[in-house]
């Protein structure tokens, strides 16, 4: 298996459709993926989990059940 820089995450259909609808109405994001990446980055910042403060492995351990 090759090592990639991305992983796949599942979203409930209803949540995906709400995001997609918002993007189509506003044009603020180019894709659902861009919206989700922005939302996750913002949440990590709220939690104080930045790349500068925490190694990648520690961030993953804290947000993965």
C-alpha atoms as a PDB file:
ATOM      1  CA  UNK A   1       0.000   0.000   0.000  1.00  0.00           C
ATOM      2  CA  UNK A   2       1.371   3.408  -0.856  1.00  0.00           C
ATOM      3  CA  UNK A   3       1.565   6.144   1.707  1.00  0.00           C
ATOM      4  CA  UNK A   4      -0.567   9.163   0.802  1.00  0.00           C
ATOM      5  CA  UNK A   5      -0.999  12.510   2.498  1.00  0.00           C
ATOM      6  CA  UNK A   6      -4.787  12.179   2.692  1.00  0.00           C
ATOM      7  CA  UNK A   7      -7.260   9.978   4.547  1.00  0.00           C
ATOM      8  CA  UNK A   8     -10.966   9.452   3.917  1.00  0.00           C
ATOM      9  CA  UNK A   9     -13.642  10.441   6.428  1.00  0.00           C
ATOM     10  CA  UNK A  10     -17.327   9.596   6.167  1.00  0.00           C
ATOM     11  CA  UNK A  11     -20.086  12.156   6.616  1.00  0.00           C
ATOM     12  CA  UNK A  12     -23.775  11.414   7.067  1.00  0.00           C
ATOM     13  CA  UNK A  13     -25.636  12.182   3.827  1.00  0.00           C
ATOM     14  CA  UNK A  14     -27.770  14.879   5.436  1.00  0.00           C
ATOM     15  CA  UNK A  15     -24.729  16.758   6.718  1.00  0.00           C
ATOM     16  CA  UNK A  16     -23.004  16.488   3.342  1.00  0.00           C
ATOM     17  CA  UNK A  17     -26.101  17.830   1.591  1.00  0.00           C
ATOM     18  CA  UNK A  18     -26.357  20.788   3.995  1.00  0.00           C
ATOM     19  CA  UNK A  19     -22.734  21.700   3.290  1.00  0.00           C
ATOM     20  CA  UNK A  20     -23.186  21.243  -0.447  1.00  0.00           C
ATOM     21  CA  UNK A  21     -26.309  23.418  -0.428  1.00  0.00           C
ATOM     22  CA  UNK A  22     -24.461  26.161   1.462  1.00  0.00           C
ATOM     23  CA  UNK A  23     -21.603  26.068  -1.058  1.00  0.00           C
ATOM     24  CA  UNK A  24     -23.984  26.280  -4.019  1.00  0.00           C
ATOM     25  CA  UNK A  25     -25.863  29.228  -2.431  1.00  0.00           C
ATOM     26  CA  UNK A  26     -22.827  31.228  -1.385  1.00  0.00           C
ATOM     27  CA  UNK A  27     -19.932  30.142  -3.593  1.00  0.00           C
ATOM     28  CA  UNK A  28     -17.668  30.640  -0.583  1.00  0.00           C
ATOM     29  CA  UNK A  29     -15.887  27.291  -1.008  1.00  0.00           C
ATOM     30  CA  UNK A  30     -14.837  25.398  -4.113  1.00  0.00           C
ATOM     31  CA  UNK A  31     -15.912  21.995  -2.745  1.00  0.00           C
ATOM     32  CA  UNK A  32     -17.289  20.121   0.245  1.00  0.00           C
ATOM     33  CA  UNK A  33     -13.730  18.947   0.946  1.00  0.00           C
ATOM     34  CA  UNK A  34     -12.489  22.534   1.187  1.00  0.00           C
ATOM     35  CA  UNK A  35     -15.347  23.423   3.554  1.00  0.00           C
ATOM     36  CA  UNK A  36     -14.625  20.424   5.787  1.00  0.00           C
ATOM     37  CA  UNK A  37     -10.851  21.085   5.866  1.00  0.00           C
ATOM     38  CA  UNK A  38     -11.533  24.679   6.914  1.00  0.00           C
ATOM     39  CA  UNK A  39     -14.028  23.589   9.580  1.00  0.00           C
ATOM     40  CA  UNK A  40     -11.609  21.014  11.019  1.00  0.00           C
ATOM     41  CA  UNK A  41      -8.707  23.494  11.057  1.00  0.00           C
ATOM     42  CA  UNK A  42     -10.864  26.045  12.875  1.00  0.00           C
ATOM     43  CA  UNK A  43     -11.997  23.462  15.453  1.00  0.00           C
ATOM     44  CA  UNK A  44      -8.427  22.320  16.085  1.00  0.00           C
ATOM     45  CA  UNK A  45      -7.454  25.949  16.652  1.00  0.00           C
ATOM     46  CA  UNK A  46     -10.346  26.345  19.141  1.00  0.00           C
ATOM     47  CA  UNK A  47      -9.047  23.306  21.014  1.00  0.00           C
ATOM     48  CA  UNK A  48      -5.525  24.704  21.004  1.00  0.00           C
ATOM     49  CA  UNK A  49      -4.241  21.896  18.790  1.00  0.00           C
ATOM     50  CA  UNK A  50      -1.921  23.502  16.269  1.00  0.00           C
ATOM     51  CA  UNK A  51       0.885  21.894  14.290  1.00  0.00           C
ATOM     52  CA  UNK A  52       3.364  24.114  16.137  1.00  0.00           C
ATOM     53  CA  UNK A  53       2.200  23.010  19.582  1.00  0.00           C
ATOM     54  CA  UNK A  54       1.569  19.300  19.050  1.00  0.00           C
ATOM     55  CA  UNK A  55       3.213  16.601  16.978  1.00  0.00           C
ATOM     56  CA  UNK A  56       0.895  15.098  14.350  1.00  0.00           C
ATOM     57  CA  UNK A  57       0.625  11.801  16.259  1.00  0.00           C
ATOM     58  CA  UNK A  58      -0.536  13.580  19.413  1.00  0.00           C
ATOM     59  CA  UNK A  59      -3.214  15.517  17.512  1.00  0.00           C
ATOM     60  CA  UNK A  60      -4.526  12.286  15.959  1.00  0.00           C
ATOM     61  CA  UNK A  61      -4.575  10.541  19.338  1.00  0.00           C
ATOM     62  CA  UNK A  62      -6.648  13.338  20.892  1.00  0.00           C
ATOM     63  CA  UNK A  63      -9.302  13.545  18.182  1.00  0.00           C
ATOM     64  CA  UNK A  64      -9.590   9.821  17.406  1.00  0.00           C
ATOM     65  CA  UNK A  65     -11.818   7.824  19.755  1.00  0.00           C
END
